[in-house]
PDB file of N, CA and C in Angstrom:
ATOM      1  N   UNK A   1       6.811  12.268   1.135  1.00  0.00           N
ATOM      2  CA  UNK A   1       6.175  11.090   1.663  1.00  0.00           C
ATOM      3  C   UNK A   1       7.159   9.931   1.544  1.00  0.00           C
ATOM      4  N   UNK A   2       7.158   9.079   2.567  1.00  0.00           N
ATOM      5  CA  UNK A   2       7.953   7.856   2.563  1.00  0.00           C
ATOM      6  C   UNK A   2       6.999   6.681   2.719  1.00  0.00           C
ATOM      7  N   UNK A   3       7.260   5.601   1.987  1.00  0.00           N
ATOM      8  CA  UNK A   3       6.418   4.410   2.066  1.00  0.00           C
ATOM      9  C   UNK A   3       7.318   3.187   2.096  1.00  0.00           C
ATOM     10  N   UNK A   4       7.028   2.272   3.033  1.00  0.00           N
ATOM     11  CA  UNK A   4       7.731   1.001   3.058  1.00  0.00           C
ATOM     12  C   UNK A   4       6.814  -0.062   3.649  1.00  0.00           C
ATOM     13  N   UNK A   5       7.126  -1.315   3.325  1.00  0.00           N
ATOM     14  CA  UNK A   5       6.345  -2.415   3.864  1.00  0.00           C
ATOM     15  C   UNK A   5       6.757  -2.634   5.317  1.00  0.00           C
ATOM     16  N   UNK A   6       5.780  -2.913   6.172  1.00  0.00           N
ATOM     17  CA  UNK A   6       6.065  -3.155   7.579  1.00  0.00           C
ATOM     18  C   UNK A   6       7.081  -4.290   7.708  1.00  0.00           C
ATOM     19  N   UNK A   7       7.984  -4.166   8.660  1.00  0.00           N
ATOM     20  CA  UNK A   7       9.047  -5.139   8.924  1.00  0.00           C
ATOM     21  C   UNK A   7      10.063  -5.216   7.791  1.00  0.00           C
ATOM     22  N   UNK A   8      10.191  -4.153   7.029  1.00  0.00           N
ATOM     23  CA  UNK A   8      11.193  -4.084   5.967  1.00  0.00           C
ATOM     24  C   UNK A   8      11.893  -2.733   6.050  1.00  0.00           C
ATOM     25  N   UNK A   9      13.168  -2.717   5.780  1.00  0.00           N
ATOM     26  CA  UNK A   9      13.908  -1.454   5.789  1.00  0.00           C
ATOM     27  C   UNK A   9      14.040  -0.860   4.383  1.00  0.00           C
ATOM     28  N   UNK A  10      13.540  -1.561   3.369  1.00  0.00           N
ATOM     29  CA  UNK A  10      13.621  -1.105   1.987  1.00  0.00           C
ATOM     30  C   UNK A  10      12.432  -0.203   1.667  1.00  0.00           C
ATOM     31  N   UNK A  11      12.715   1.009   1.233  1.00  0.00           N
ATOM     32  CA  UNK A  11      11.668   1.971   0.900  1.00  0.00           C
ATOM     33  C   UNK A  11      11.057   1.669  -0.465  1.00  0.00           C
ATOM     34  N   UNK A  12       9.740   1.759  -0.538  1.00  0.00           N
ATOM     35  CA  UNK A  12       9.025   1.703  -1.810  1.00  0.00           C
ATOM     36  C   UNK A  12       9.038   3.095  -2.432  1.00  0.00           C
ATOM     37  N   UNK A  13       8.945   4.099  -1.582  1.00  0.00           N
ATOM     38  CA  UNK A  13       8.940   5.496  -1.988  1.00  0.00           C
ATOM     39  C   UNK A  13       9.690   6.281  -0.928  1.00  0.00           C
ATOM     40  N   UNK A  14      10.622   7.112  -1.327  1.00  0.00           N
ATOM     41  CA  UNK A  14      11.419   7.874  -0.374  1.00  0.00           C
ATOM     42  C   UNK A  14      11.437   9.347  -0.753  1.00  0.00           C
ATOM     43  N   UNK A  15      10.880  10.161   0.131  1.00  0.00           N
ATOM     44  CA  UNK A  15      10.921  11.621   0.014  1.00  0.00           C
ATOM     45  C   UNK A  15      10.397  12.124  -1.334  1.00  0.00           C
ATOM     46  N   UNK A  16       9.201  11.677  -1.688  1.00  0.00           N
ATOM     47  CA  UNK A  16       8.558  12.099  -2.935  1.00  0.00           C
ATOM     48  C   UNK A  16       7.175  12.648  -2.648  1.00  0.00           C
ATOM     49  N   UNK A  17       6.726  13.556  -3.484  1.00  0.00           N
ATOM     50  CA  UNK A  17       5.364  14.058  -3.439  1.00  0.00           C
ATOM     51  C   UNK A  17       4.691  13.650  -4.742  1.00  0.00           C
ATOM     52  N   UNK A  18       3.689  12.783  -4.634  1.00  0.00           N
ATOM     53  CA  UNK A  18       3.023  12.248  -5.805  1.00  0.00           C
ATOM     54  C   UNK A  18       1.511  12.274  -5.611  1.00  0.00           C
ATOM     55  N   UNK A  19       0.777  12.142  -6.712  1.00  0.00           N
ATOM     56  CA  UNK A  19      -0.678  12.043  -6.592  1.00  0.00           C
ATOM     57  C   UNK A  19      -1.146  10.600  -6.572  1.00  0.00           C
ATOM     58  N   UNK A  20      -0.247   9.645  -6.830  1.00  0.00           N
ATOM     59  CA  UNK A  20      -0.593   8.231  -6.744  1.00  0.00           C
ATOM     60  C   UNK A  20       0.678   7.419  -6.508  1.00  0.00           C
ATOM     61  N   UNK A  21       0.496   6.242  -5.910  1.00  0.00           N
ATOM     62  CA  UNK A  21       1.625   5.340  -5.681  1.00  0.00           C
ATOM     63  C   UNK A  21       1.202   3.917  -6.045  1.00  0.00           C
ATOM     64  N   UNK A  22       2.184   3.118  -6.400  1.00  0.00           N
ATOM     65  CA  UNK A  22       1.948   1.712  -6.708  1.00  0.00           C
ATOM     66  C   UNK A  22       2.544   0.908  -5.559  1.00  0.00           C
ATOM     67  N   UNK A  23       1.697   0.124  -4.895  1.00  0.00           N
ATOM     68  CA  UNK A  23       2.140  -0.693  -3.773  1.00  0.00           C
ATOM     69  C   UNK A  23       2.259  -2.146  -4.229  1.00  0.00           C
ATOM     70  N   UNK A  24       3.388  -2.780  -3.959  1.00  0.00           N
ATOM     71  CA  UNK A  24       3.562  -4.167  -4.400  1.00  0.00           C
ATOM     72  C   UNK A  24       2.800  -5.139  -3.505  1.00  0.00           C
ATOM     73  N   UNK A  25       2.033  -6.017  -4.119  1.00  0.00           N
ATOM     74  CA  UNK A  25       1.321  -7.063  -3.395  1.00  0.00           C
ATOM     75  C   UNK A  25       2.040  -8.381  -3.629  1.00  0.00           C
ATOM     76  N   UNK A  26       2.058  -9.208  -2.616  1.00  0.00           N
ATOM     77  CA  UNK A  26       2.786 -10.470  -2.691  1.00  0.00           C
ATOM     78  C   UNK A  26       1.870 -11.607  -3.141  1.00  0.00           C
ATOM     79  N   UNK A  27       2.473 -12.611  -3.744  1.00  0.00           N
ATOM     80  CA  UNK A  27       1.734 -13.799  -4.149  1.00  0.00           C
ATOM     81  C   UNK A  27       2.338 -15.033  -3.467  1.00  0.00           C
ATOM     82  N   UNK A  28       2.692 -14.890  -2.190  1.00  0.00           N
ATOM     83  CA  UNK A  28       3.303 -15.987  -1.438  1.00  0.00           C
ATOM     84  C   UNK A  28       2.400 -17.205  -1.357  1.00  0.00           C
ATOM     85  N   UNK A  29       1.171 -17.001  -0.972  1.00  0.00           N
ATOM     86  CA  UNK A  29       0.225 -18.095  -0.808  1.00  0.00           C
ATOM     87  C   UNK A  29      -0.954 -17.868  -1.748  1.00  0.00           C
ATOM     88  N   UNK A  30      -1.021 -18.659  -2.799  1.00  0.00           N
ATOM     89  CA  UNK A  30      -2.086 -18.515  -3.787  1.00  0.00           C
ATOM     90  C   UNK A  30      -3.402 -19.051  -3.228  1.00  0.00           C
ATOM     91  N   UNK A  31      -4.495 -18.453  -3.678  1.00  0.00           N
ATOM     92  CA  UNK A  31      -5.856 -18.872  -3.337  1.00  0.00           C
ATOM     93  C   UNK A  31      -6.134 -18.880  -1.832  1.00  0.00           C
ATOM     94  N   UNK A  32      -5.424 -18.049  -1.096  1.00  0.00           N
ATOM     95  CA  UNK A  32      -5.679 -17.856   0.326  1.00  0.00           C
ATOM     96  C   UNK A  32      -5.471 -16.380   0.637  1.00  0.00           C
ATOM     97  N   UNK A  33      -6.085 -15.896   1.679  1.00  0.00           N
ATOM     98  CA  UNK A  33      -6.001 -14.464   1.986  1.00  0.00           C
ATOM     99  C   UNK A  33      -4.607 -14.085   2.481  1.00  0.00           C
ATOM    100  N   UNK A  34      -4.021 -13.085   1.848  1.00  0.00           N
ATOM    101  CA  UNK A  34      -2.738 -12.502   2.241  1.00  0.00           C
ATOM    102  C   UNK A  34      -3.012 -11.111   2.809  1.00  0.00           C
ATOM    103  N   UNK A  35      -2.193 -10.686   3.749  1.00  0.00           N
ATOM    104  CA  UNK A  35      -2.299  -9.338   4.295  1.00  0.00           C
ATOM    105  C   UNK A  35      -0.924  -8.695   4.255  1.00  0.00           C
ATOM    106  N   UNK A  36      -0.869  -7.489   3.708  1.00  0.00           N
ATOM    107  CA  UNK A  36       0.360  -6.711   3.656  1.00  0.00           C
ATOM    108  C   UNK A  36       0.098  -5.378   4.332  1.00  0.00           C
ATOM    109  N   UNK A  37       1.002  -4.980   5.210  1.00  0.00           N
ATOM    110  CA  UNK A  37       0.867  -3.698   5.919  1.00  0.00           C
ATOM    111  C   UNK A  37       1.953  -2.755   5.418  1.00  0.00           C
ATOM    112  N   UNK A  38       1.521  -1.558   5.028  1.00  0.00           N
ATOM    113  CA  UNK A  38       2.430  -0.539   4.528  1.00  0.00           C
ATOM    114  C   UNK A  38       2.482   0.619   5.519  1.00  0.00           C
ATOM    115  N   UNK A  39       3.673   1.116   5.763  1.00  0.00           N
ATOM    116  CA  UNK A  39       3.881   2.284   6.604  1.00  0.00           C
ATOM    117  C   UNK A  39       3.991   3.480   5.671  1.00  0.00           C
ATOM    118  N   UNK A  40       3.108   4.460   5.872  1.00  0.00           N
ATOM    119  CA  UNK A  40       3.113   5.669   5.049  1.00  0.00           C
ATOM    120  C   UNK A  40       3.426   6.837   5.972  1.00  0.00           C
ATOM    121  N   UNK A  41       4.534   7.502   5.695  1.00  0.00           N
ATOM    122  CA  UNK A  41       5.033   8.568   6.568  1.00  0.00           C
ATOM    123  C   UNK A  41       4.926   9.921   5.879  1.00  0.00           C
ATOM    124  N   UNK A  42       4.225  10.829   6.524  1.00  0.00           N
ATOM    125  CA  UNK A  42       4.108  12.200   6.026  1.00  0.00           C
ATOM    126  C   UNK A  42       5.157  13.056   6.722  1.00  0.00           C
ATOM    127  N   UNK A  43       5.758  13.975   6.007  1.00  0.00           N
ATOM    128  CA  UNK A  43       6.752  14.913   6.543  1.00  0.00           C
ATOM    129  C   UNK A  43       7.950  14.187   7.144  1.00  0.00           C
ATOM    130  N   UNK A  44       8.415  13.143   6.480  1.00  0.00           N
ATOM    131  CA  UNK A  44       9.567  12.383   6.953  1.00  0.00           C
ATOM    132  C   UNK A  44      10.843  13.197   7.004  1.00  0.00           C
ATOM    133  N   UNK A  45      10.936  14.239   6.180  1.00  0.00           N
ATOM    134  CA  UNK A  45      12.135  15.074   6.187  1.00  0.00           C
ATOM    135  C   UNK A  45      12.247  15.898   7.465  1.00  0.00           C
ATOM    136  N   UNK A  46      11.145  16.050   8.222  1.00  0.00           N
ATOM    137  CA  UNK A  46      11.203  16.798   9.478  1.00  0.00           C
ATOM    138  C   UNK A  46      11.898  16.019  10.590  1.00  0.00           C
ATOM    139  N   UNK A  47      12.025  14.727  10.458  1.00  0.00           N
ATOM    140  CA  UNK A  47      12.639  13.916  11.502  1.00  0.00           C
ATOM    141  C   UNK A  47      14.145  14.118  11.618  1.00  0.00           C
ATOM    142  N   UNK A  48      14.730  14.902  10.759  1.00  0.00           N
ATOM    143  CA  UNK A  48      16.182  15.066  10.778  1.00  0.00           C
ATOM    144  C   UNK A  48      16.651  16.117  11.770  1.00  0.00           C
ATOM    145  N   UNK A  49      15.728  16.867  12.392  1.00  0.00           N
ATOM    146  CA  UNK A  49      16.161  17.875  13.357  1.00  0.00           C
ATOM    147  C   UNK A  49      15.736  17.465  14.773  1.00  0.00           C
ATOM    148  N   UNK A  50      16.088  18.260  15.751  1.00  0.00           N
ATOM    149  CA  UNK A  50      15.809  17.963  17.158  1.00  0.00           C
ATOM    150  C   UNK A  50      14.541  18.648  17.673  1.00  0.00           C
ATOM    151  N   UNK A  51      13.827  19.353  16.817  1.00  0.00           N
ATOM    152  CA  UNK A  51      12.639  20.099  17.213  1.00  0.00           C
ATOM    153  C   UNK A  51      11.435  19.173  17.340  1.00  0.00           C
ATOM    154  N   UNK A  52      10.832  19.077  18.533  1.00  0.00           N
ATOM    155  CA  UNK A  52       9.666  18.212  18.749  1.00  0.00           C
ATOM    156  C   UNK A  52       8.427  18.690  18.004  1.00  0.00           C
ATOM    157  N   UNK A  53       8.397  19.936  17.577  1.00  0.00           N
ATOM    158  CA  UNK A  53       7.252  20.481  16.844  1.00  0.00           C
ATOM    159  C   UNK A  53       7.278  20.120  15.361  1.00  0.00           C
ATOM    160  N   UNK A  54       8.385  19.613  14.887  1.00  0.00           N
ATOM    161  CA  UNK A  54       8.505  19.264  13.466  1.00  0.00           C
ATOM    162  C   UNK A  54       8.819  17.776  13.327  1.00  0.00           C
ATOM    163  N   UNK A  55       7.910  16.942  13.773  1.00  0.00           N
ATOM    164  CA  UNK A  55       8.095  15.501  13.651  1.00  0.00           C
ATOM    165  C   UNK A  55       7.238  14.973  12.510  1.00  0.00           C
ATOM    166  N   UNK A  56       7.611  13.828  12.009  1.00  0.00           N
ATOM    167  CA  UNK A  56       6.814  13.212  10.951  1.00  0.00           C
ATOM    168  C   UNK A  56       5.574  12.557  11.560  1.00  0.00           C
ATOM    169  N   UNK A  57       4.688  12.118  10.699  1.00  0.00           N
ATOM    170  CA  UNK A  57       3.472  11.440  11.143  1.00  0.00           C
ATOM    171  C   UNK A  57       3.350  10.150  10.338  1.00  0.00           C
ATOM    172  N   UNK A  58       3.235   9.037  11.043  1.00  0.00           N
ATOM    173  CA  UNK A  58       3.186   7.721  10.407  1.00  0.00           C
ATOM    174  C   UNK A  58       1.795   7.123  10.561  1.00  0.00           C
ATOM    175  N   UNK A  59       1.233   6.637   9.454  1.00  0.00           N
ATOM    176  CA  UNK A  59      -0.007   5.870   9.463  1.00  0.00           C
ATOM    177  C   UNK A  59       0.264   4.522   8.805  1.00  0.00           C
ATOM    178  N   UNK A  60      -0.517   3.528   9.186  1.00  0.00           N
ATOM    179  CA  UNK A  60      -0.352   2.182   8.656  1.00  0.00           C
ATOM    180  C   UNK A  60      -1.564   1.816   7.807  1.00  0.00           C
ATOM    181  N   UNK A  61      -1.293   1.388   6.583  1.00  0.00           N
ATOM    182  CA  UNK A  61      -2.327   0.937   5.661  1.00  0.00           C
ATOM    183  C   UNK A  61      -2.248  -0.580   5.586  1.00  0.00           C
ATOM    184  N   UNK A  62      -3.361  -1.241   5.864  1.00  0.00           N
ATOM    185  CA  UNK A  62      -3.408  -2.701   5.804  1.00  0.00           C
ATOM    186  C   UNK A  62      -4.234  -3.116   4.598  1.00  0.00           C
ATOM    187  N   UNK A  63      -3.655  -3.965   3.751  1.00  0.00           N
ATOM    188  CA  UNK A  63      -4.319  -4.420   2.533  1.00  0.00           C
ATOM    189  C   UNK A  63      -4.404  -5.943   2.575  1.00  0.00           C
ATOM    190  N   UNK A  64      -5.623  -6.466   2.466  1.00  0.00           N
ATOM    191  CA  UNK A  64      -5.843  -7.917   2.417  1.00  0.00           C
ATOM    192  C   UNK A  64      -6.375  -8.272   1.035  1.00  0.00           C
ATOM    193  N   UNK A  65      -5.974  -9.445   0.533  1.00  0.00           N
ATOM    194  CA  UNK A  65      -6.323  -9.840  -0.822  1.00  0.00           C
ATOM    195  C   UNK A  65      -6.072 -11.335  -0.985  1.00  0.00           C
ATOM    196  N   UNK A  66      -6.664 -11.901  -2.024  1.00  0.00           N
ATOM    197  CA  UNK A  66      -6.453 -13.308  -2.361  1.00  0.00           C
ATOM    198  C   UNK A  66      -5.821 -13.370  -3.748  1.00  0.00           C
ATOM    199  N   UNK A  67      -4.531 -13.728  -3.840  1.00  0.00           N
ATOM    200  CA  UNK A  67      -3.880 -13.784  -5.150  1.00  0.00           C
ATOM    201  C   UNK A  67      -4.253 -15.059  -5.918  1.00  0.00           C
ATOM    202  N   UNK A  68      -4.299 -14.896  -7.228  1.00  0.00           N
ATOM    203  CA  UNK A  68      -4.637 -16.005  -8.115  1.00  0.00           C
ATOM    204  C   UNK A  68      -3.804 -15.844  -9.385  1.00  0.00           C
ATOM    205  N   UNK A  69      -3.307 -16.950  -9.926  1.00  0.00           N
ATOM    206  CA  UNK A  69      -2.585 -16.917 -11.194  1.00  0.00           C
ATOM    207  C   UNK A  69      -3.504 -17.416 -12.290  1.00  0.00           C
ATOM    208  N   UNK A  70      -3.611 -16.654 -13.369  1.00  0.00           N
ATOM    209  CA  UNK A  70      -4.452 -16.993 -14.521  1.00  0.00           C
ATOM    210  C   UNK A  70      -3.523 -17.263 -15.706  1.00  0.00           C
ATOM    211  N   UNK A  71      -3.709 -18.387 -16.350  1.00  0.00           N
ATOM    212  CA  UNK A  71      -2.925 -18.716 -17.532  1.00  0.00           C
ATOM    213  C   UNK A  71      -3.402 -17.877 -18.708  1.00  0.00           C
ATOM    214  N   UNK A  72      -2.459 -17.162 -19.342  1.00  0.00           N
ATOM    215  CA  UNK A  72      -2.801 -16.303 -20.473  1.00  0.00           C
ATOM    216  C   UNK A  72      -2.538 -17.030 -21.789  1.00  0.00           C
ATOM    217  N   UNK A  73      -1.289 -17.445 -21.983  1.00  0.00           N
ATOM    218  CA  UNK A  73      -0.916 -18.172 -23.200  1.00  0.00           C
ATOM    219  C   UNK A  73       0.494 -18.717 -23.020  1.00  0.00           C
ATOM    220  N   UNK A  74       0.928 -19.544 -23.968  1.00  0.00           N
ATOM    221  CA  UNK A  74       2.309 -20.055 -23.895  1.00  0.00           C
ATOM    222  C   UNK A  74       3.316 -18.923 -23.997  1.00  0.00           C
ATOM    223  N   UNK A  75       3.028 -17.943 -24.825  1.00  0.00           N
ATOM    224  CA  UNK A  75       3.957 -16.832 -25.022  1.00  0.00           C
ATOM    225  C   UNK A  75       4.007 -15.908 -23.807  1.00  0.00           C
ATOM    226  N   UNK A  76       2.868 -15.674 -23.176  1.00  0.00           N
ATOM    227  CA  UNK A  76       2.796 -14.732 -22.052  1.00  0.00           C
ATOM    228  C   UNK A  76       2.947 -15.407 -20.692  1.00  0.00           C
ATOM    229  N   UNK A  77       2.570 -16.658 -20.587  1.00  0.00           N
ATOM    230  CA  UNK A  77       2.638 -17.345 -19.303  1.00  0.00           C
ATOM    231  C   UNK A  77       1.432 -17.025 -18.436  1.00  0.00           C
ATOM    232  N   UNK A  78       1.701 -16.695 -17.172  1.00  0.00           N
ATOM    233  CA  UNK A  78       0.631 -16.456 -16.203  1.00  0.00           C
ATOM    234  C   UNK A  78       0.523 -14.975 -15.844  1.00  0.00           C
ATOM    235  N   UNK A  79      -0.656 -14.592 -15.421  1.00  0.00           N
ATOM    236  CA  UNK A  79      -0.937 -13.230 -14.993  1.00  0.00           C
ATOM    237  C   UNK A  79      -1.473 -13.288 -13.568  1.00  0.00           C
ATOM    238  N   UNK A  80      -1.020 -12.362 -12.720  1.00  0.00           N
ATOM    239  CA  UNK A  80      -1.492 -12.291 -11.334  1.00  0.00           C
ATOM    240  C   UNK A  80      -2.776 -11.484 -11.257  1.00  0.00           C
ATOM    241  N   UNK A  81      -3.761 -12.023 -10.556  1.00  0.00           N
ATOM    242  CA  UNK A  81      -5.014 -11.346 -10.266  1.00  0.00           C
ATOM    243  C   UNK A  81      -5.150 -11.325  -8.746  1.00  0.00           C
ATOM    244  N   UNK A  82      -5.632 -10.222  -8.208  1.00  0.00           N
ATOM    245  CA  UNK A  82      -5.822 -10.106  -6.764  1.00  0.00           C
ATOM    246  C   UNK A  82      -7.305  -9.886  -6.501  1.00  0.00           C
ATOM    247  N   UNK A  83      -7.920 -10.842  -5.822  1.00  0.00           N
ATOM    248  CA  UNK A  83      -9.364 -10.817  -5.556  1.00  0.00           C
ATOM    249  C   UNK A  83      -9.638 -10.436  -4.099  1.00  0.00           C
ATOM    250  N   UNK A  84     -10.882 -10.074  -3.833  1.00  0.00           N
ATOM    251  CA  UNK A  84     -11.356  -9.787  -2.472  1.00  0.00           C
ATOM    252  C   UNK A  84     -10.501  -8.729  -1.769  1.00  0.00           C
ATOM    253  N   UNK A  85     -10.189  -7.667  -2.480  1.00  0.00           N
ATOM    254  CA  UNK A  85      -9.350  -6.597  -1.953  1.00  0.00           C
ATOM    255  C   UNK A  85     -10.079  -5.829  -0.847  1.00  0.00           C
ATOM    256  N   UNK A  86      -9.415  -5.706   0.298  1.00  0.00           N
ATOM    257  CA  UNK A  86      -9.923  -4.941   1.429  1.00  0.00           C
ATOM    258  C   UNK A  86      -8.772  -4.085   1.934  1.00  0.00           C
ATOM    259  N   UNK A  87      -9.029  -2.812   2.203  1.00  0.00           N
ATOM    260  CA  UNK A  87      -7.984  -1.914   2.700  1.00  0.00           C
ATOM    261  C   UNK A  87      -8.534  -1.097   3.860  1.00  0.00           C
ATOM    262  N   UNK A  88      -7.667  -0.850   4.833  1.00  0.00           N
ATOM    263  CA  UNK A  88      -8.059  -0.032   5.981  1.00  0.00           C
ATOM    264  C   UNK A  88      -6.820   0.620   6.566  1.00  0.00           C
ATOM    265  N   UNK A  89      -7.050   1.652   7.341  1.00  0.00           N
ATOM    266  CA  UNK A  89      -5.942   2.319   8.025  1.00  0.00           C
ATOM    267  C   UNK A  89      -6.056   1.993   9.497  1.00  0.00           C
ATOM    268  N   UNK A  90      -4.912   1.765  10.117  1.00  0.00           N
ATOM    269  CA  UNK A  90      -4.897   1.524  11.560  1.00  0.00           C
ATOM    270  C   UNK A  90      -5.124   2.854  12.270  1.00  0.00           C
ATOM    271  N   UNK A  91      -6.001   2.850  13.246  1.00  0.00           N
ATOM    272  CA  UNK A  91      -6.308   4.081  13.983  1.00  0.00           C
ATOM    273  C   UNK A  91      -5.254   4.333  15.055  1.00  0.00           C
ATOM    274  N   UNK A  92      -4.896   5.582  15.185  1.00  0.00           N
ATOM    275  CA  UNK A  92      -4.036   6.016  16.286  1.00  0.00           C
ATOM    276  C   UNK A  92      -4.496   7.398  16.730  1.00  0.00           C
ATOM    277  N   UNK A  93      -3.784   8.014  17.652  1.00  0.00           N
ATOM    278  CA  UNK A  93      -4.224   9.303  18.192  1.00  0.00           C
ATOM    279  C   UNK A  93      -3.985  10.480  17.251  1.00  0.00           C
ATOM    280  N   UNK A  94      -3.239  10.260  16.170  1.00  0.00           N
ATOM    281  CA  UNK A  94      -2.915  11.376  15.284  1.00  0.00           C
ATOM    282  C   UNK A  94      -2.867  10.902  13.833  1.00  0.00           C
ATOM    283  N   UNK A  95      -3.992  10.400  13.304  1.00  0.00           N
ATOM    284  CA  UNK A  95      -4.029   9.955  11.914  1.00  0.00           C
ATOM    285  C   UNK A  95      -4.027  11.140  10.958  1.00  0.00           C
ATOM    286  N   UNK A  96      -3.179  11.101   9.967  1.00  0.00           N
ATOM    287  CA  UNK A  96      -3.222  12.109   8.911  1.00  0.00           C
ATOM    288  C   UNK A  96      -3.999  11.565   7.709  1.00  0.00           C
ATOM    289  N   UNK A  97      -4.084  10.237   7.569  1.00  0.00           N
ATOM    290  CA  UNK A  97      -4.952   9.638   6.558  1.00  0.00           C
ATOM    291  C   UNK A  97      -6.355   9.636   7.139  1.00  0.00           C
ATOM    292  N   UNK A  98      -7.272  10.314   6.474  1.00  0.00           N
ATOM    293  CA  UNK A  98      -8.633  10.447   6.981  1.00  0.00           C
ATOM    294  C   UNK A  98      -9.508   9.240   6.653  1.00  0.00           C
ATOM    295  N   UNK A  99      -9.348   8.691   5.446  1.00  0.00           N
ATOM    296  CA  UNK A  99     -10.200   7.590   5.034  1.00  0.00           C
ATOM    297  C   UNK A  99      -9.512   6.801   3.931  1.00  0.00           C
ATOM    298  N   UNK A 100      -9.881   5.525   3.831  1.00  0.00           N
ATOM    299  CA  UNK A 100      -9.393   4.639   2.779  1.00  0.00           C
ATOM    300  C   UNK A 100     -10.609   4.005   2.134  1.00  0.00           C
ATOM    301  N   UNK A 101     -10.679   4.081   0.806  1.00  0.00           N
ATOM    302  CA  UNK A 101     -11.838   3.560   0.091  1.00  0.00           C
ATOM    303  C   UNK A 101     -11.374   2.646  -1.036  1.00  0.00           C
ATOM    304  N   UNK A 102     -11.892   1.420  -1.059  1.00  0.00           N
ATOM    305  CA  UNK A 102     -11.607   0.481  -2.141  1.00  0.00           C
ATOM    306  C   UNK A 102     -12.554   0.789  -3.292  1.00  0.00           C
ATOM    307  N   UNK A 103     -11.998   1.085  -4.451  1.00  0.00           N
ATOM    308  CA  UNK A 103     -12.786   1.406  -5.641  1.00  0.00           C
ATOM    309  C   UNK A 103     -13.244   0.131  -6.342  1.00  0.00           C
ATOM    310  N   UNK A 104     -12.323  -0.813  -6.467  1.00  0.00           N
ATOM    311  CA  UNK A 104     -12.613  -2.069  -7.151  1.00  0.00           C
ATOM    312  C   UNK A 104     -11.955  -3.180  -6.342  1.00  0.00           C
ATOM    313  N   UNK A 105     -12.711  -4.196  -5.947  1.00  0.00           N
ATOM    314  CA  UNK A 105     -12.137  -5.217  -5.079  1.00  0.00           C
ATOM    315  C   UNK A 105     -11.440  -6.351  -5.825  1.00  0.00           C
ATOM    316  N   UNK A 106     -11.285  -6.214  -7.143  1.00  0.00           N
ATOM    317  CA  UNK A 106     -10.491  -7.141  -7.936  1.00  0.00           C
ATOM    318  C   UNK A 106      -9.458  -6.353  -8.727  1.00  0.00           C
ATOM    319  N   UNK A 107      -8.195  -6.722  -8.556  1.00  0.00           N
ATOM    320  CA  UNK A 107      -7.116  -6.063  -9.295  1.00  0.00           C
ATOM    321  C   UNK A 107      -6.725  -6.974 -10.445  1.00  0.00           C
ATOM    322  N   UNK A 108      -7.077  -6.567 -11.651  1.00  0.00           N
ATOM    323  CA  UNK A 108      -6.681  -7.298 -12.849  1.00  0.00           C
ATOM    324  C   UNK A 108      -6.124  -6.358 -13.911  1.00  0.00           C
ATOM    325  N   UNK A 109      -5.950  -5.095 -13.539  1.00  0.00           N
ATOM    326  CA  UNK A 109      -5.434  -4.075 -14.446  1.00  0.00           C
ATOM    327  C   UNK A 109      -4.492  -3.173 -13.652  1.00  0.00           C
ATOM    328  N   UNK A 110      -3.232  -3.172 -14.008  1.00  0.00           N
ATOM    329  CA  UNK A 110      -2.243  -2.378 -13.285  1.00  0.00           C
ATOM    330  C   UNK A 110      -2.294  -0.893 -13.623  1.00  0.00           C
ATOM    331  N   UNK A 111      -3.070  -0.514 -14.618  1.00  0.00           N
ATOM    332  CA  UNK A 111      -3.104   0.873 -15.073  1.00  0.00           C
ATOM    333  C   UNK A 111      -4.202   1.699 -14.413  1.00  0.00           C
ATOM    334  N   UNK A 112      -5.010   1.096 -13.567  1.00  0.00           N
ATOM    335  CA  UNK A 112      -6.121   1.820 -12.948  1.00  0.00           C
ATOM    336  C   UNK A 112      -5.941   1.860 -11.434  1.00  0.00           C
ATOM    337  N   UNK A 113      -6.501   2.878 -10.820  1.00  0.00           N
ATOM    338  CA  UNK A 113      -6.471   2.993  -9.350  1.00  0.00           C
ATOM    339  C   UNK A 113      -7.471   2.008  -8.756  1.00  0.00           C
ATOM    340  N   UNK A 114      -7.105   1.415  -7.634  1.00  0.00           N
ATOM    341  CA  UNK A 114      -7.984   0.454  -6.973  1.00  0.00           C
ATOM    342  C   UNK A 114      -8.343   0.866  -5.567  1.00  0.00           C
ATOM    343  N   UNK A 115      -7.529   1.732  -4.971  1.00  0.00           N
ATOM    344  CA  UNK A 115      -7.775   2.216  -3.616  1.00  0.00           C
ATOM    345  C   UNK A 115      -7.553   3.718  -3.608  1.00  0.00           C
ATOM    346  N   UNK A 116      -8.486   4.457  -3.005  1.00  0.00           N
ATOM    347  CA  UNK A 116      -8.300   5.891  -2.773  1.00  0.00           C
ATOM    348  C   UNK A 116      -7.926   6.107  -1.319  1.00  0.00           C
ATOM    349  N   UNK A 117      -6.925   6.948  -1.110  1.00  0.00           N
ATOM    350  CA  UNK A 117      -6.506   7.324   0.242  1.00  0.00           C
ATOM    351  C   UNK A 117      -6.761   8.817   0.375  1.00  0.00           C
ATOM    352  N   UNK A 118      -7.614   9.179   1.327  1.00  0.00           N
ATOM    353  CA  UNK A 118      -7.961  10.588   1.539  1.00  0.00           C
ATOM    354  C   UNK A 118      -7.186  11.118   2.723  1.00  0.00           C
ATOM    355  N   UNK A 119      -6.600  12.307   2.524  1.00  0.00           N
ATOM    356  CA  UNK A 119      -5.840  12.934   3.619  1.00  0.00           C
ATOM    357  C   UNK A 119      -6.098  14.417   3.673  1.00  0.00           C
TER     358      UNK A 119
END
């Protein structure tokens, strides 16, 4: 699987098979809705040959959220919280991602899953 943010050439994940991934959310505009689109490519290693039967499949995951900074302490500084989390997949003629489900619409713990992607 390959994962990168839309309009970026830098891979978040390149040619890995995992049961979970961590997607970076931006805090460009605080207290306003931000949207980040991730390109998730299945079978990306098949794109290296000339065979039309072995092509990769790309789906787009769109994540919207409202970032907020919470003051923790002088020693720790601020902590990022992401509220109003909404996730969806863009529909196309050949989706390999079947469904996207938000488990918790507030991200305040980096150790727990917040979105399930079914394929």
